[in-house]
């Protein structure tokens, strides 16, 4: 299974963010899955990819032709996919996905996550989406999702294949359920 992970190229200000990234990467490798991510060596991206590689996973980095991102390229990945633009990077990652996990991250992570949520609401993808809610990181976003439904701009079924959790066991079960 290809698990696309969206996350920060920085580590944030809570050690638990790094711990979550490492736990996820380790599980991906130990469970025989493949990590697909943005290809960076720093921050949560570096932590999840290093842990996945150490646990035996295949790791695919998808990198756009953006100098700042190319300068942070993780070495030793199983495969590199270079794309001309950020939009093509996102599209390629979506094409490869069997599941999506968003660890804590910034604007880029939010952009990737909301695009996948939009595709889910249009029945373009049915892949599970997990928001790895380390220390309640995604609770404000969860409130936005609830507000979308309560205000009549979305329906509960748009979000039925989403999980907010920081429990690795729950996350693994949600991703692998058939």
C-alpha atoms as a PDB file:
ATOM      1  CA  UNK A   1       0.000   0.000   0.000  1.00  0.00           C
ATOM      2  CA  UNK A   2       1.296   3.473  -0.862  1.00  0.00           C
ATOM      3  CA  UNK A   3       0.805   5.818   2.066  1.00  0.00           C
ATOM      4  CA  UNK A   4       1.162   9.475   1.150  1.00  0.00           C
ATOM      5  CA  UNK A   5       2.356  11.515   4.103  1.00  0.00           C
ATOM      6  CA  UNK A   6       1.995  15.282   4.204  1.00  0.00           C
ATOM      7  CA  UNK A   7       3.971  17.092   6.891  1.00  0.00           C
ATOM      8  CA  UNK A   8       6.281  19.937   7.714  1.00  0.00           C
ATOM      9  CA  UNK A   9       9.829  20.287   6.437  1.00  0.00           C
ATOM     10  CA  UNK A  10      10.530  21.786   9.853  1.00  0.00           C
ATOM     11  CA  UNK A  11      10.080  20.040  13.202  1.00  0.00           C
ATOM     12  CA  UNK A  12       7.767  22.499  14.921  1.00  0.00           C
ATOM     13  CA  UNK A  13       8.157  23.385  18.580  1.00  0.00           C
ATOM     14  CA  UNK A  14       6.916  20.202  20.257  1.00  0.00           C
ATOM     15  CA  UNK A  15       9.105  17.090  20.524  1.00  0.00           C
ATOM     16  CA  UNK A  16       5.953  14.983  20.190  1.00  0.00           C
ATOM     17  CA  UNK A  17       5.672  16.040  16.536  1.00  0.00           C
ATOM     18  CA  UNK A  18       8.993  14.315  15.784  1.00  0.00           C
ATOM     19  CA  UNK A  19       7.980  11.293  17.849  1.00  0.00           C
ATOM     20  CA  UNK A  20       4.763  10.948  15.829  1.00  0.00           C
ATOM     21  CA  UNK A  21       6.652  11.212  12.536  1.00  0.00           C
ATOM     22  CA  UNK A  22       9.111   8.526  13.623  1.00  0.00           C
ATOM     23  CA  UNK A  23       6.324   6.233  14.865  1.00  0.00           C
ATOM     24  CA  UNK A  24       4.445   6.581  11.595  1.00  0.00           C
ATOM     25  CA  UNK A  25       7.553   5.941   9.502  1.00  0.00           C
ATOM     26  CA  UNK A  26       8.445   2.896  11.593  1.00  0.00           C
ATOM     27  CA  UNK A  27       4.919   1.476  11.225  1.00  0.00           C
ATOM     28  CA  UNK A  28       4.952   2.052   7.455  1.00  0.00           C
ATOM     29  CA  UNK A  29       8.174   0.067   7.159  1.00  0.00           C
ATOM     30  CA  UNK A  30       7.300  -2.687   9.612  1.00  0.00           C
ATOM     31  CA  UNK A  31       3.906  -3.253   8.000  1.00  0.00           C
ATOM     32  CA  UNK A  32       5.357  -3.622   4.505  1.00  0.00           C
ATOM     33  CA  UNK A  33       3.895  -0.413   3.126  1.00  0.00           C
ATOM     34  CA  UNK A  34       5.534   2.236   0.961  1.00  0.00           C
ATOM     35  CA  UNK A  35       5.995   5.847   2.025  1.00  0.00           C
ATOM     36  CA  UNK A  36       5.299   8.515  -0.581  1.00  0.00           C
ATOM     37  CA  UNK A  37       6.207  12.014   0.581  1.00  0.00           C
ATOM     38  CA  UNK A  38       7.712  15.331  -0.460  1.00  0.00           C
ATOM     39  CA  UNK A  39      11.311  14.112  -0.518  1.00  0.00           C
ATOM     40  CA  UNK A  40      12.887  16.504   2.005  1.00  0.00           C
ATOM     41  CA  UNK A  41      15.564  15.576   4.532  1.00  0.00           C
ATOM     42  CA  UNK A  42      14.637  18.104   7.208  1.00  0.00           C
ATOM     43  CA  UNK A  43      11.974  18.369   9.878  1.00  0.00           C
ATOM     44  CA  UNK A  44       9.090  15.936  10.077  1.00  0.00           C
ATOM     45  CA  UNK A  45       9.671  14.952   6.452  1.00  0.00           C
ATOM     46  CA  UNK A  46      13.190  13.815   7.287  1.00  0.00           C
ATOM     47  CA  UNK A  47      12.044  12.047  10.458  1.00  0.00           C
ATOM     48  CA  UNK A  48       9.253  10.042   8.803  1.00  0.00           C
ATOM     49  CA  UNK A  49      11.406   9.051   5.822  1.00  0.00           C
ATOM     50  CA  UNK A  50      14.432   8.068   7.904  1.00  0.00           C
ATOM     51  CA  UNK A  51      12.285   5.956  10.236  1.00  0.00           C
ATOM     52  CA  UNK A  52      10.543   4.300   7.284  1.00  0.00           C
ATOM     53  CA  UNK A  53      13.851   3.484   5.584  1.00  0.00           C
ATOM     54  CA  UNK A  54      15.303   2.113   8.821  1.00  0.00           C
ATOM     55  CA  UNK A  55      12.222  -0.116   9.184  1.00  0.00           C
ATOM     56  CA  UNK A  56      12.657  -1.515   5.662  1.00  0.00           C
ATOM     57  CA  UNK A  57      10.108   0.510   3.718  1.00  0.00           C
ATOM     58  CA  UNK A  58      10.365   1.576   0.156  1.00  0.00           C
ATOM     59  CA  UNK A  59      10.354   5.373   0.185  1.00  0.00           C
ATOM     60  CA  UNK A  60       9.389   7.501  -2.799  1.00  0.00           C
ATOM     61  CA  UNK A  61      10.229  11.196  -2.746  1.00  0.00           C
ATOM     62  CA  UNK A  62       8.268  13.477  -5.065  1.00  0.00           C
ATOM     63  CA  UNK A  63      10.115  16.750  -5.559  1.00  0.00           C
ATOM     64  CA  UNK A  64       9.173  19.784  -7.633  1.00  0.00           C
ATOM     65  CA  UNK A  65      11.735  21.851  -9.508  1.00  0.00           C
ATOM     66  CA  UNK A  66      11.913  24.428  -6.719  1.00  0.00           C
ATOM     67  CA  UNK A  67      15.456  25.305  -5.605  1.00  0.00           C
ATOM     68  CA  UNK A  68      14.575  25.606  -1.902  1.00  0.00           C
ATOM     69  CA  UNK A  69      13.006  22.122  -1.947  1.00  0.00           C
ATOM     70  CA  UNK A  70      15.706  20.551  -4.123  1.00  0.00           C
ATOM     71  CA  UNK A  71      18.357  21.808  -1.672  1.00  0.00           C
ATOM     72  CA  UNK A  72      16.695  19.734   1.082  1.00  0.00           C
ATOM     73  CA  UNK A  73      16.505  16.504  -0.947  1.00  0.00           C
ATOM     74  CA  UNK A  74      16.726  13.374   1.225  1.00  0.00           C
ATOM     75  CA  UNK A  75      19.517  11.028   0.131  1.00  0.00           C
ATOM     76  CA  UNK A  76      19.143   7.261  -0.111  1.00  0.00           C
ATOM     77  CA  UNK A  77      15.481   6.992  -1.038  1.00  0.00           C
ATOM     78  CA  UNK A  78      14.202   4.026  -3.022  1.00  0.00           C
ATOM     79  CA  UNK A  79      12.876   6.250  -5.800  1.00  0.00           C
ATOM     80  CA  UNK A  80      12.796   9.914  -6.745  1.00  0.00           C
ATOM     81  CA  UNK A  81      10.111  11.465  -8.905  1.00  0.00           C
ATOM     82  CA  UNK A  82      10.934  14.968 -10.091  1.00  0.00           C
ATOM     83  CA  UNK A  83       8.129  17.216 -11.271  1.00  0.00           C
ATOM     84  CA  UNK A  84       8.297  20.627 -12.929  1.00  0.00           C
ATOM     85  CA  UNK A  85       5.845  22.330 -10.556  1.00  0.00           C
ATOM     86  CA  UNK A  86       4.248  22.106  -7.120  1.00  0.00           C
ATOM     87  CA  UNK A  87       0.874  21.414  -8.746  1.00  0.00           C
ATOM     88  CA  UNK A  88       2.305  18.446 -10.636  1.00  0.00           C
ATOM     89  CA  UNK A  89       3.960  17.205  -7.449  1.00  0.00           C
ATOM     90  CA  UNK A  90       0.605  17.203  -5.665  1.00  0.00           C
ATOM     91  CA  UNK A  91      -1.117  15.497  -8.595  1.00  0.00           C
ATOM     92  CA  UNK A  92       1.550  12.793  -8.796  1.00  0.00           C
ATOM     93  CA  UNK A  93       1.344  12.072  -5.072  1.00  0.00           C
ATOM     94  CA  UNK A  94      -2.438  11.799  -5.292  1.00  0.00           C
ATOM     95  CA  UNK A  95      -2.137   9.386  -8.237  1.00  0.00           C
ATOM     96  CA  UNK A  96       0.177   7.144  -6.215  1.00  0.00           C
ATOM     97  CA  UNK A  97      -1.906   7.153  -3.019  1.00  0.00           C
ATOM     98  CA  UNK A  98      -3.792   4.335  -1.377  1.00  0.00           C
ATOM     99  CA  UNK A  99      -4.088   6.370   1.847  1.00  0.00           C
ATOM    100  CA  UNK A 100      -3.204   9.850   3.075  1.00  0.00           C
ATOM    101  CA  UNK A 101      -1.784  10.876   6.447  1.00  0.00           C
ATOM    102  CA  UNK A 102      -1.239  14.485   7.506  1.00  0.00           C
ATOM    103  CA  UNK A 103       1.248  14.917  10.322  1.00  0.00           C
ATOM    104  CA  UNK A 104       1.548  18.428  11.750  1.00  0.00           C
ATOM    105  CA  UNK A 105       2.749  20.925   9.192  1.00  0.00           C
ATOM    106  CA  UNK A 106       2.291  24.390   7.822  1.00  0.00           C
ATOM    107  CA  UNK A 107       0.551  26.014   4.874  1.00  0.00           C
ATOM    108  CA  UNK A 108       1.872  23.473   2.357  1.00  0.00           C
ATOM    109  CA  UNK A 109       0.518  20.588   4.421  1.00  0.00           C
ATOM    110  CA  UNK A 110      -2.834  22.329   4.766  1.00  0.00           C
ATOM    111  CA  UNK A 111      -2.925  22.965   1.006  1.00  0.00           C
ATOM    112  CA  UNK A 112      -2.254  19.297   0.225  1.00  0.00           C
ATOM    113  CA  UNK A 113      -4.734  18.083   2.821  1.00  0.00           C
ATOM    114  CA  UNK A 114      -7.591  20.320   1.707  1.00  0.00           C
ATOM    115  CA  UNK A 115      -7.076  19.376  -1.932  1.00  0.00           C
ATOM    116  CA  UNK A 116      -7.457  15.698  -1.060  1.00  0.00           C
ATOM    117  CA  UNK A 117     -10.518  16.477   1.084  1.00  0.00           C
ATOM    118  CA  UNK A 118     -12.043  18.341  -1.846  1.00  0.00           C
ATOM    119  CA  UNK A 119     -11.421  15.365  -4.140  1.00  0.00           C
ATOM    120  CA  UNK A 120     -13.039  13.085  -1.560  1.00  0.00           C
ATOM    121  CA  UNK A 121     -16.131  15.304  -1.397  1.00  0.00           C
ATOM    122  CA  UNK A 122     -16.463  14.946  -5.183  1.00  0.00           C
ATOM    123  CA  UNK A 123     -15.977  11.154  -5.071  1.00  0.00           C
ATOM    124  CA  UNK A 124     -12.776  11.474  -7.084  1.00  0.00           C
ATOM    125  CA  UNK A 125     -10.874   9.617  -4.367  1.00  0.00           C
ATOM    126  CA  UNK A 126     -12.060   7.268  -1.676  1.00  0.00           C
ATOM    127  CA  UNK A 127      -8.688   6.730  -0.010  1.00  0.00           C
ATOM    128  CA  UNK A 128      -8.692   7.049   3.772  1.00  0.00           C
ATOM    129  CA  UNK A 129      -7.441  10.361   5.152  1.00  0.00           C
ATOM    130  CA  UNK A 130      -5.845  10.529   8.587  1.00  0.00           C
ATOM    131  CA  UNK A 131      -5.011  13.690  10.455  1.00  0.00           C
ATOM    132  CA  UNK A 132      -2.308  12.605  12.909  1.00  0.00           C
ATOM    133  CA  UNK A 133      -3.568  14.770  15.739  1.00  0.00           C
ATOM    134  CA  UNK A 134      -0.424  14.954  17.864  1.00  0.00           C
ATOM    135  CA  UNK A 135      -1.134  16.877  21.060  1.00  0.00           C
ATOM    136  CA  UNK A 136      -4.412  18.148  19.564  1.00  0.00           C
ATOM    137  CA  UNK A 137      -2.656  19.850  16.640  1.00  0.00           C
ATOM    138  CA  UNK A 138      -5.600  19.348  14.278  1.00  0.00           C
ATOM    139  CA  UNK A 139      -8.418  20.162  16.718  1.00  0.00           C
ATOM    140  CA  UNK A 140      -8.850  23.749  15.416  1.00  0.00           C
ATOM    141  CA  UNK A 141      -9.078  22.334  11.881  1.00  0.00           C
ATOM    142  CA  UNK A 142     -11.585  19.742  13.099  1.00  0.00           C
ATOM    143  CA  UNK A 143     -13.720  22.643  14.352  1.00  0.00           C
ATOM    144  CA  UNK A 144     -13.573  24.186  10.865  1.00  0.00           C
ATOM    145  CA  UNK A 145     -14.733  20.892   9.336  1.00  0.00           C
ATOM    146  CA  UNK A 146     -17.630  20.723  11.801  1.00  0.00           C
ATOM    147  CA  UNK A 147     -18.524  24.325  10.968  1.00  0.00           C
ATOM    148  CA  UNK A 148     -18.551  23.509   7.245  1.00  0.00           C
ATOM    149  CA  UNK A 149     -21.154  20.806   7.880  1.00  0.00           C
ATOM    150  CA  UNK A 150     -23.181  22.802  10.425  1.00  0.00           C
ATOM    151  CA  UNK A 151     -23.275  25.816   8.094  1.00  0.00           C
ATOM    152  CA  UNK A 152     -24.565  23.777   5.174  1.00  0.00           C
ATOM    153  CA  UNK A 153     -21.425  23.895   3.009  1.00  0.00           C
ATOM    154  CA  UNK A 154     -20.685  20.199   3.324  1.00  0.00           C
ATOM    155  CA  UNK A 155     -22.257  16.946   4.400  1.00  0.00           C
ATOM    156  CA  UNK A 156     -21.089  14.449   6.993  1.00  0.00           C
ATOM    157  CA  UNK A 157     -20.493  11.862   4.282  1.00  0.00           C
ATOM    158  CA  UNK A 158     -17.800  14.139   2.775  1.00  0.00           C
ATOM    159  CA  UNK A 159     -15.759  13.437   5.873  1.00  0.00           C
ATOM    160  CA  UNK A 160     -16.799   9.847   6.625  1.00  0.00           C
ATOM    161  CA  UNK A 161     -13.465   8.442   5.435  1.00  0.00           C
ATOM    162  CA  UNK A 162     -11.404  10.763   7.665  1.00  0.00           C
ATOM    163  CA  UNK A 163      -9.905  10.071  11.051  1.00  0.00           C
ATOM    164  CA  UNK A 164      -8.523  12.530  13.585  1.00  0.00           C
ATOM    165  CA  UNK A 165      -6.290  10.554  15.981  1.00  0.00           C
ATOM    166  CA  UNK A 166      -2.894  10.478  17.611  1.00  0.00           C
ATOM    167  CA  UNK A 167      -3.121   6.791  18.470  1.00  0.00           C
ATOM    168  CA  UNK A 168      -0.861   4.828  16.101  1.00  0.00           C
ATOM    169  CA  UNK A 169      -2.870   1.621  16.607  1.00  0.00           C
ATOM    170  CA  UNK A 170      -6.140   3.361  15.637  1.00  0.00           C
ATOM    171  CA  UNK A 171      -4.430   5.007  12.670  1.00  0.00           C
ATOM    172  CA  UNK A 172      -3.013   1.689  11.422  1.00  0.00           C
ATOM    173  CA  UNK A 173      -6.406  -0.023  11.748  1.00  0.00           C
ATOM    174  CA  UNK A 174      -8.183   2.835   9.946  1.00  0.00           C
ATOM    175  CA  UNK A 175      -5.729   2.832   7.045  1.00  0.00           C
ATOM    176  CA  UNK A 176      -5.687  -0.930   6.563  1.00  0.00           C
ATOM    177  CA  UNK A 177      -9.396  -1.718   7.029  1.00  0.00           C
ATOM    178  CA  UNK A 178     -11.119  -3.173   4.029  1.00  0.00           C
END
